[in-house]
Structure formats: structure tokens, C-alpha cells
């Protein structure tokens, strides 16, 4: 019984982490596409990478992010803030992709692989 609960918690945590990254990647590719179109047409209006896309942002950045996102996207980002909080300070890179991928990898390792291992261990019958 406990093993099943841990298994489902592991699946949900991993799912939220992956969904948050998918939202981030979709936003970044959309921004890059728009920047390329602007460059081709000679428009100098290039959009910079947004600090609001980082996990677990400071309070003022969080307020900006709330204004940018719809309710579901913000809910997923808020869950990600909690799940990725232990891992966000590990990377201090200037590259936003590195600052997203390192916490993603660690979260999937701990919540996904570790959670499933723990669930399996709790579900084993002792002789």
C-alpha cells in the first residue's frame, strides 16, 4: 500500500517537472523563432531571454511571471518552484538552458528514479 502511494507521488512529481520543462522549451523555441523572423526582415526588436523562465524565482520576478502565464501554466510553474527548489542553486551559469536542465536532471533522478526505487523497495514482501 505504501509502495503504491510512493510510486504515484514519484510519477506525479516527475510529470510536473517534465511538463514545466516542456512549457519552458516551447516558450524558448517560440521566442527564438520570432527573433529569427525579426532578423530576416531587418526588424531590430529582438526579445531577450526572460528571467521569469527560471525555476524558483525571487518574489518580484514571480509576480511578473504570474502576469505572463495563464492559470494552468502558472500552477505548473508553482509546483515546479517547490519541486526544483533544492536543485536551483547548484547551477550559476549565464545560460538559461543550463540553469533549467541541471535541476531537471537532478529532480528526475531523485523524484523519478529514486522514488520508483523506494516504491519498489517498500512493496517487496519480507520473508
N, C-alpha and C. Protein backbone atom coordinates (compact mmCIF):
# COMPACT_ATOMS: atom_id res chain seq x y z
N UNK A 1 0.82 -1.19 0.00
CA UNK A 1 0.00 0.00 0.00
C UNK A 1 0.86 1.26 0.00
N UNK A 2 1.83 1.32 0.89
CA UNK A 2 2.71 2.50 0.96
C UNK A 2 3.55 2.60 -0.30
N UNK A 3 3.98 1.46 -0.82
CA UNK A 3 4.76 1.45 -2.05
C UNK A 3 3.98 2.04 -3.22
N UNK A 4 2.68 1.76 -3.29
CA UNK A 4 1.85 2.30 -4.37
C UNK A 4 1.71 3.82 -4.25
N UNK A 5 1.56 4.31 -3.03
CA UNK A 5 1.45 5.76 -2.81
C UNK A 5 2.74 6.45 -3.22
N UNK A 6 3.87 5.90 -2.82
CA UNK A 6 5.17 6.47 -3.18
C UNK A 6 5.37 6.42 -4.69
N UNK A 7 4.95 5.34 -5.31
CA UNK A 7 5.05 5.21 -6.77
C UNK A 7 4.26 6.33 -7.47
N UNK A 8 3.01 6.55 -7.05
CA UNK A 8 2.19 7.59 -7.68
C UNK A 8 2.73 8.98 -7.40
N UNK A 9 3.24 9.22 -6.20
CA UNK A 9 3.86 10.51 -5.90
C UNK A 9 5.07 10.75 -6.79
N UNK A 10 5.85 9.70 -7.01
CA UNK A 10 7.01 9.79 -7.88
C UNK A 10 6.60 10.11 -9.31
N UNK A 11 5.55 9.47 -9.78
CA UNK A 11 5.07 9.71 -11.15
C UNK A 11 4.55 11.14 -11.28
N UNK A 12 3.76 11.60 -10.32
CA UNK A 12 3.22 12.96 -10.40
C UNK A 12 4.31 14.01 -10.31
N UNK A 13 5.28 13.83 -9.41
CA UNK A 13 6.38 14.79 -9.29
C UNK A 13 7.18 14.85 -10.59
N UNK A 14 7.50 13.69 -11.13
CA UNK A 14 8.26 13.65 -12.39
C UNK A 14 7.45 14.27 -13.52
N UNK A 15 6.16 14.01 -13.55
CA UNK A 15 5.29 14.56 -14.59
C UNK A 15 5.24 16.07 -14.54
N UNK A 16 5.13 16.64 -13.34
CA UNK A 16 5.11 18.10 -13.21
C UNK A 16 6.45 18.71 -13.63
N UNK A 17 7.54 18.06 -13.26
CA UNK A 17 8.86 18.58 -13.62
C UNK A 17 9.03 18.56 -15.14
N UNK A 18 8.63 17.48 -15.78
CA UNK A 18 8.75 17.38 -17.24
C UNK A 18 7.81 18.37 -17.93
N UNK A 19 6.57 18.49 -17.45
CA UNK A 19 5.62 19.42 -18.05
C UNK A 19 6.12 20.87 -17.93
N UNK A 20 6.68 21.21 -16.78
CA UNK A 20 7.25 22.55 -16.62
C UNK A 20 8.38 22.80 -17.60
N UNK A 21 9.20 21.78 -17.84
CA UNK A 21 10.28 21.95 -18.81
C UNK A 21 9.75 22.05 -20.23
N UNK A 22 8.69 21.31 -20.54
CA UNK A 22 8.08 21.40 -21.87
C UNK A 22 7.54 22.81 -22.10
N UNK A 23 6.89 23.40 -21.10
CA UNK A 23 6.41 24.78 -21.21
C UNK A 23 7.58 25.73 -21.47
N UNK A 24 8.67 25.55 -20.73
CA UNK A 24 9.86 26.38 -20.89
C UNK A 24 10.44 26.23 -22.30
N UNK A 25 10.60 25.00 -22.76
CA UNK A 25 11.20 24.75 -24.08
C UNK A 25 10.32 25.32 -25.19
N UNK A 26 9.02 25.16 -25.06
CA UNK A 26 8.11 25.71 -26.07
C UNK A 26 8.21 27.23 -26.12
N UNK A 27 8.30 27.86 -24.96
CA UNK A 27 8.43 29.31 -24.92
C UNK A 27 9.75 29.76 -25.54
N UNK A 28 10.82 29.06 -25.22
CA UNK A 28 12.13 29.44 -25.73
C UNK A 28 12.23 29.26 -27.24
N UNK A 29 11.66 28.18 -27.76
CA UNK A 29 11.71 27.97 -29.21
C UNK A 29 10.83 28.99 -29.93
N UNK A 30 9.73 29.35 -29.33
CA UNK A 30 8.85 30.36 -29.92
C UNK A 30 9.56 31.72 -29.96
N UNK A 31 10.23 32.06 -28.87
CA UNK A 31 10.97 33.32 -28.81
C UNK A 31 12.11 33.31 -29.82
N UNK A 32 12.82 32.20 -29.92
CA UNK A 32 13.92 32.11 -30.89
C UNK A 32 13.40 32.22 -32.32
N UNK A 33 12.27 31.59 -32.58
CA UNK A 33 11.68 31.67 -33.91
C UNK A 33 11.30 33.11 -34.26
N UNK A 34 10.69 33.79 -33.31
CA UNK A 34 10.31 35.18 -33.54
C UNK A 34 11.55 36.06 -33.74
N UNK A 35 12.60 35.81 -32.98
CA UNK A 35 13.84 36.57 -33.14
C UNK A 35 14.46 36.33 -34.52
N UNK A 36 14.38 35.11 -35.02
CA UNK A 36 14.92 34.82 -36.36
C UNK A 36 14.10 35.54 -37.44
N UNK A 37 12.78 35.52 -37.28
CA UNK A 37 11.94 36.24 -38.24
C UNK A 37 12.26 37.74 -38.23
N UNK A 38 12.46 38.28 -37.03
CA UNK A 38 12.81 39.71 -36.91
C UNK A 38 14.15 39.99 -37.58
N UNK A 39 15.11 39.09 -37.42
CA UNK A 39 16.43 39.29 -38.02
C UNK A 39 16.35 39.23 -39.55
N UNK A 40 15.54 38.33 -40.07
CA UNK A 40 15.41 38.20 -41.52
C UNK A 40 14.75 39.43 -42.13
N UNK A 41 13.74 39.92 -41.47
CA UNK A 41 13.02 41.09 -42.00
C UNK A 41 13.72 42.40 -41.69
N UNK A 42 14.79 42.35 -40.93
CA UNK A 42 15.54 43.56 -40.61
C UNK A 42 15.01 44.30 -39.39
N UNK A 43 14.03 43.72 -38.71
CA UNK A 43 13.47 44.33 -37.51
C UNK A 43 14.48 44.16 -36.37
N UNK A 44 14.76 45.22 -35.67
CA UNK A 44 15.74 45.18 -34.59
C UNK A 44 15.11 44.85 -33.23
N UNK A 45 13.85 44.49 -33.23
CA UNK A 45 13.14 44.20 -32.00
C UNK A 45 13.39 42.75 -31.58
N UNK A 46 14.54 42.47 -30.96
CA UNK A 46 14.91 41.13 -30.53
C UNK A 46 14.57 40.98 -29.06
N UNK A 47 13.84 39.92 -28.75
CA UNK A 47 13.41 39.67 -27.38
C UNK A 47 14.49 38.87 -26.64
N UNK A 48 14.91 39.36 -25.50
CA UNK A 48 15.94 38.68 -24.70
C UNK A 48 15.33 37.51 -23.94
N UNK A 49 16.20 36.62 -23.48
CA UNK A 49 15.73 35.52 -22.64
C UNK A 49 15.19 36.11 -21.34
N UNK A 50 14.07 35.60 -20.90
CA UNK A 50 13.39 36.17 -19.75
C UNK A 50 13.81 35.49 -18.46
N UNK A 51 14.09 36.29 -17.45
CA UNK A 51 14.43 35.77 -16.13
C UNK A 51 13.21 35.13 -15.48
N UNK A 52 12.02 35.42 -16.00
CA UNK A 52 10.81 34.81 -15.44
C UNK A 52 10.71 33.33 -15.77
N UNK A 53 11.55 32.84 -16.65
CA UNK A 53 11.51 31.43 -17.04
C UNK A 53 12.41 30.56 -16.17
N UNK A 54 13.11 31.16 -15.23
CA UNK A 54 13.95 30.38 -14.32
C UNK A 54 13.10 29.76 -13.22
N UNK A 55 13.46 28.56 -12.76
CA UNK A 55 12.69 27.96 -11.68
C UNK A 55 12.98 28.65 -10.35
N UNK A 56 11.97 28.70 -9.50
CA UNK A 56 12.08 29.25 -8.15
C UNK A 56 12.63 30.68 -8.14
N UNK A 57 11.95 31.61 -8.85
CA UNK A 57 12.46 32.98 -8.94
C UNK A 57 12.18 33.78 -7.67
N UNK A 58 12.84 34.93 -7.50
CA UNK A 58 12.53 35.82 -6.37
C UNK A 58 11.09 36.34 -6.47
N UNK A 59 10.60 36.91 -5.38
CA UNK A 59 9.19 37.33 -5.27
C UNK A 59 8.77 38.29 -6.39
N UNK A 60 9.59 39.31 -6.69
CA UNK A 60 9.21 40.29 -7.71
C UNK A 60 9.17 39.65 -9.10
N UNK A 61 10.08 38.75 -9.37
CA UNK A 61 10.08 38.05 -10.65
C UNK A 61 8.87 37.12 -10.73
N UNK A 62 8.51 36.51 -9.61
CA UNK A 62 7.33 35.65 -9.55
C UNK A 62 6.07 36.43 -9.93
N UNK A 63 5.96 37.66 -9.48
CA UNK A 63 4.80 38.48 -9.82
C UNK A 63 4.75 38.79 -11.31
N UNK A 64 5.91 39.03 -11.92
CA UNK A 64 5.95 39.25 -13.37
C UNK A 64 5.54 37.99 -14.13
N UNK A 65 6.01 36.84 -13.63
CA UNK A 65 5.69 35.57 -14.28
C UNK A 65 4.19 35.28 -14.20
N UNK A 66 3.57 35.63 -13.07
CA UNK A 66 2.13 35.42 -12.92
C UNK A 66 1.35 36.21 -13.96
N UNK A 67 1.85 37.40 -14.30
CA UNK A 67 1.17 38.22 -15.30
C UNK A 67 1.36 37.66 -16.71
N UNK A 68 2.47 36.97 -16.97
CA UNK A 68 2.77 36.42 -18.30
C UNK A 68 2.00 35.13 -18.60
N UNK A 69 1.75 34.32 -17.58
CA UNK A 69 1.23 32.97 -17.78
C UNK A 69 -0.28 32.89 -17.55
N UNK A 70 -0.90 31.87 -18.17
CA UNK A 70 -2.29 31.58 -17.84
C UNK A 70 -2.32 30.80 -16.52
N UNK A 71 -3.50 30.50 -16.01
CA UNK A 71 -3.62 29.89 -14.67
C UNK A 71 -3.01 28.50 -14.60
N UNK A 72 -3.25 27.67 -15.61
CA UNK A 72 -2.70 26.31 -15.58
C UNK A 72 -1.17 26.34 -15.67
N UNK A 73 -0.65 27.15 -16.58
CA UNK A 73 0.80 27.27 -16.72
C UNK A 73 1.42 27.78 -15.41
N UNK A 74 0.79 28.74 -14.79
CA UNK A 74 1.31 29.26 -13.52
C UNK A 74 1.23 28.21 -12.41
N UNK A 75 0.17 27.40 -12.41
CA UNK A 75 0.06 26.32 -11.44
C UNK A 75 1.21 25.33 -11.60
N UNK A 76 1.49 24.95 -12.84
CA UNK A 76 2.60 24.03 -13.11
C UNK A 76 3.92 24.67 -12.68
N UNK A 77 4.11 25.94 -12.99
CA UNK A 77 5.35 26.63 -12.59
C UNK A 77 5.47 26.72 -11.07
N UNK A 78 4.36 26.94 -10.37
CA UNK A 78 4.40 27.00 -8.91
C UNK A 78 4.77 25.64 -8.30
N UNK A 79 4.22 24.57 -8.86
CA UNK A 79 4.58 23.23 -8.39
C UNK A 79 6.06 22.97 -8.68
N UNK A 80 6.52 23.38 -9.86
CA UNK A 80 7.94 23.24 -10.21
C UNK A 80 8.83 24.03 -9.26
N UNK A 81 8.39 25.22 -8.86
CA UNK A 81 9.18 26.00 -7.91
C UNK A 81 9.46 25.21 -6.64
N UNK A 82 8.45 24.51 -6.16
CA UNK A 82 8.60 23.71 -4.94
C UNK A 82 9.49 22.50 -5.20
N UNK A 83 9.22 21.79 -6.31
CA UNK A 83 9.96 20.56 -6.58
C UNK A 83 11.42 20.82 -6.96
N UNK A 84 11.69 21.93 -7.63
CA UNK A 84 13.06 22.20 -8.09
C UNK A 84 13.85 23.06 -7.11
N UNK A 85 13.22 23.55 -6.06
CA UNK A 85 13.90 24.43 -5.10
C UNK A 85 15.21 23.85 -4.54
N UNK A 86 15.29 22.56 -4.22
CA UNK A 86 16.55 22.04 -3.70
C UNK A 86 17.70 22.04 -4.71
N UNK A 87 17.38 22.16 -6.00
CA UNK A 87 18.39 21.99 -7.04
C UNK A 87 18.76 23.27 -7.78
N UNK A 88 18.02 24.35 -7.57
CA UNK A 88 18.23 25.55 -8.38
C UNK A 88 19.52 26.29 -8.07
N UNK A 89 20.02 26.17 -6.86
CA UNK A 89 21.23 26.91 -6.51
C UNK A 89 22.51 26.19 -6.96
N UNK A 90 22.39 25.01 -7.53
CA UNK A 90 23.56 24.24 -7.95
C UNK A 90 24.22 24.86 -9.17
N UNK A 91 23.43 25.39 -10.09
CA UNK A 91 23.97 25.95 -11.33
C UNK A 91 23.89 27.47 -11.31
N UNK A 92 25.02 28.12 -11.55
CA UNK A 92 25.06 29.58 -11.64
C UNK A 92 25.46 30.03 -13.03
N UNK A 93 25.14 29.24 -14.03
CA UNK A 93 25.51 29.55 -15.41
C UNK A 93 24.73 30.76 -15.92
N UNK A 94 25.28 31.42 -16.91
CA UNK A 94 24.58 32.51 -17.58
C UNK A 94 23.60 31.97 -18.61
N UNK A 95 23.75 30.73 -19.00
CA UNK A 95 22.89 30.11 -19.99
C UNK A 95 21.61 29.61 -19.33
N UNK A 96 20.46 30.10 -19.80
CA UNK A 96 19.18 29.74 -19.19
C UNK A 96 18.87 28.25 -19.36
N UNK A 97 19.35 27.65 -20.46
CA UNK A 97 19.11 26.22 -20.68
C UNK A 97 19.86 25.37 -19.65
N UNK A 98 21.08 25.76 -19.33
CA UNK A 98 21.84 25.03 -18.31
C UNK A 98 21.16 25.17 -16.96
N UNK A 99 20.67 26.36 -16.66
CA UNK A 99 20.01 26.60 -15.37
C UNK A 99 18.67 25.88 -15.28
N UNK A 100 18.11 25.44 -16.39
CA UNK A 100 16.89 24.64 -16.36
C UNK A 100 17.20 23.14 -16.43
N UNK A 101 18.21 22.75 -17.23
CA UNK A 101 18.49 21.33 -17.43
C UNK A 101 19.10 20.65 -16.22
N UNK A 102 19.98 21.34 -15.50
CA UNK A 102 20.60 20.71 -14.32
C UNK A 102 19.56 20.40 -13.25
N UNK A 103 18.70 21.35 -12.84
CA UNK A 103 17.65 20.99 -11.88
C UNK A 103 16.69 19.92 -12.42
N UNK A 104 16.39 19.98 -13.72
CA UNK A 104 15.52 18.96 -14.32
C UNK A 104 16.13 17.57 -14.16
N UNK A 105 17.39 17.44 -14.54
CA UNK A 105 18.06 16.14 -14.45
C UNK A 105 18.13 15.63 -13.02
N UNK A 106 18.48 16.51 -12.10
CA UNK A 106 18.56 16.08 -10.70
C UNK A 106 17.19 15.72 -10.13
N UNK A 107 16.17 16.50 -10.48
CA UNK A 107 14.82 16.20 -10.00
C UNK A 107 14.33 14.86 -10.55
N UNK A 108 14.57 14.60 -11.83
CA UNK A 108 14.16 13.32 -12.39
C UNK A 108 14.93 12.17 -11.78
N UNK A 109 16.19 12.40 -11.48
CA UNK A 109 16.99 11.37 -10.83
C UNK A 109 16.45 11.06 -9.43
N UNK A 110 16.19 12.10 -8.65
CA UNK A 110 15.74 11.91 -7.27
C UNK A 110 14.27 11.49 -7.21
N UNK A 111 13.39 12.28 -7.84
CA UNK A 111 11.96 12.00 -7.75
C UNK A 111 11.54 10.81 -8.61
N UNK A 112 12.09 10.73 -9.80
CA UNK A 112 11.69 9.65 -10.70
C UNK A 112 12.36 8.34 -10.35
N UNK A 113 13.66 8.28 -10.56
CA UNK A 113 14.40 7.04 -10.32
C UNK A 113 14.42 6.67 -8.85
N UNK A 114 14.75 7.64 -8.00
CA UNK A 114 14.80 7.37 -6.56
C UNK A 114 13.44 7.02 -5.99
N UNK A 115 12.42 7.75 -6.43
CA UNK A 115 11.07 7.48 -5.94
C UNK A 115 10.57 6.11 -6.35
N UNK A 116 10.83 5.74 -7.59
CA UNK A 116 10.41 4.42 -8.06
C UNK A 116 11.19 3.30 -7.35
N UNK A 117 12.46 3.53 -7.11
CA UNK A 117 13.26 2.54 -6.38
C UNK A 117 12.72 2.37 -4.96
N UNK A 118 12.41 3.51 -4.32
CA UNK A 118 11.86 3.46 -2.96
C UNK A 118 10.51 2.75 -2.97
N UNK A 119 9.66 3.06 -3.94
CA UNK A 119 8.35 2.41 -4.04
C UNK A 119 8.50 0.90 -4.21
N UNK A 120 9.44 0.52 -5.04
CA UNK A 120 9.66 -0.92 -5.25
C UNK A 120 10.17 -1.58 -3.98
N UNK A 121 11.08 -0.89 -3.29
CA UNK A 121 11.61 -1.45 -2.04
C UNK A 121 10.53 -1.57 -0.98
N UNK A 122 9.65 -0.62 -0.91
CA UNK A 122 8.56 -0.67 0.09
C UNK A 122 7.52 -1.72 -0.27
N UNK A 123 7.41 -2.06 -1.54
CA UNK A 123 6.42 -3.02 -1.97
C UNK A 123 6.87 -4.46 -1.89
N UNK A 124 8.16 -4.67 -1.63
CA UNK A 124 8.66 -6.04 -1.56
C UNK A 124 8.17 -6.73 -0.29
N UNK A 125 7.81 -7.98 -0.44
CA UNK A 125 7.37 -8.74 0.73
C UNK A 125 8.60 -9.27 1.46
N UNK A 126 8.57 -9.14 2.74
CA UNK A 126 9.66 -9.62 3.57
C UNK A 126 9.35 -11.06 4.01
N UNK A 127 10.33 -11.93 3.92
CA UNK A 127 10.12 -13.34 4.32
C UNK A 127 10.52 -13.55 5.73
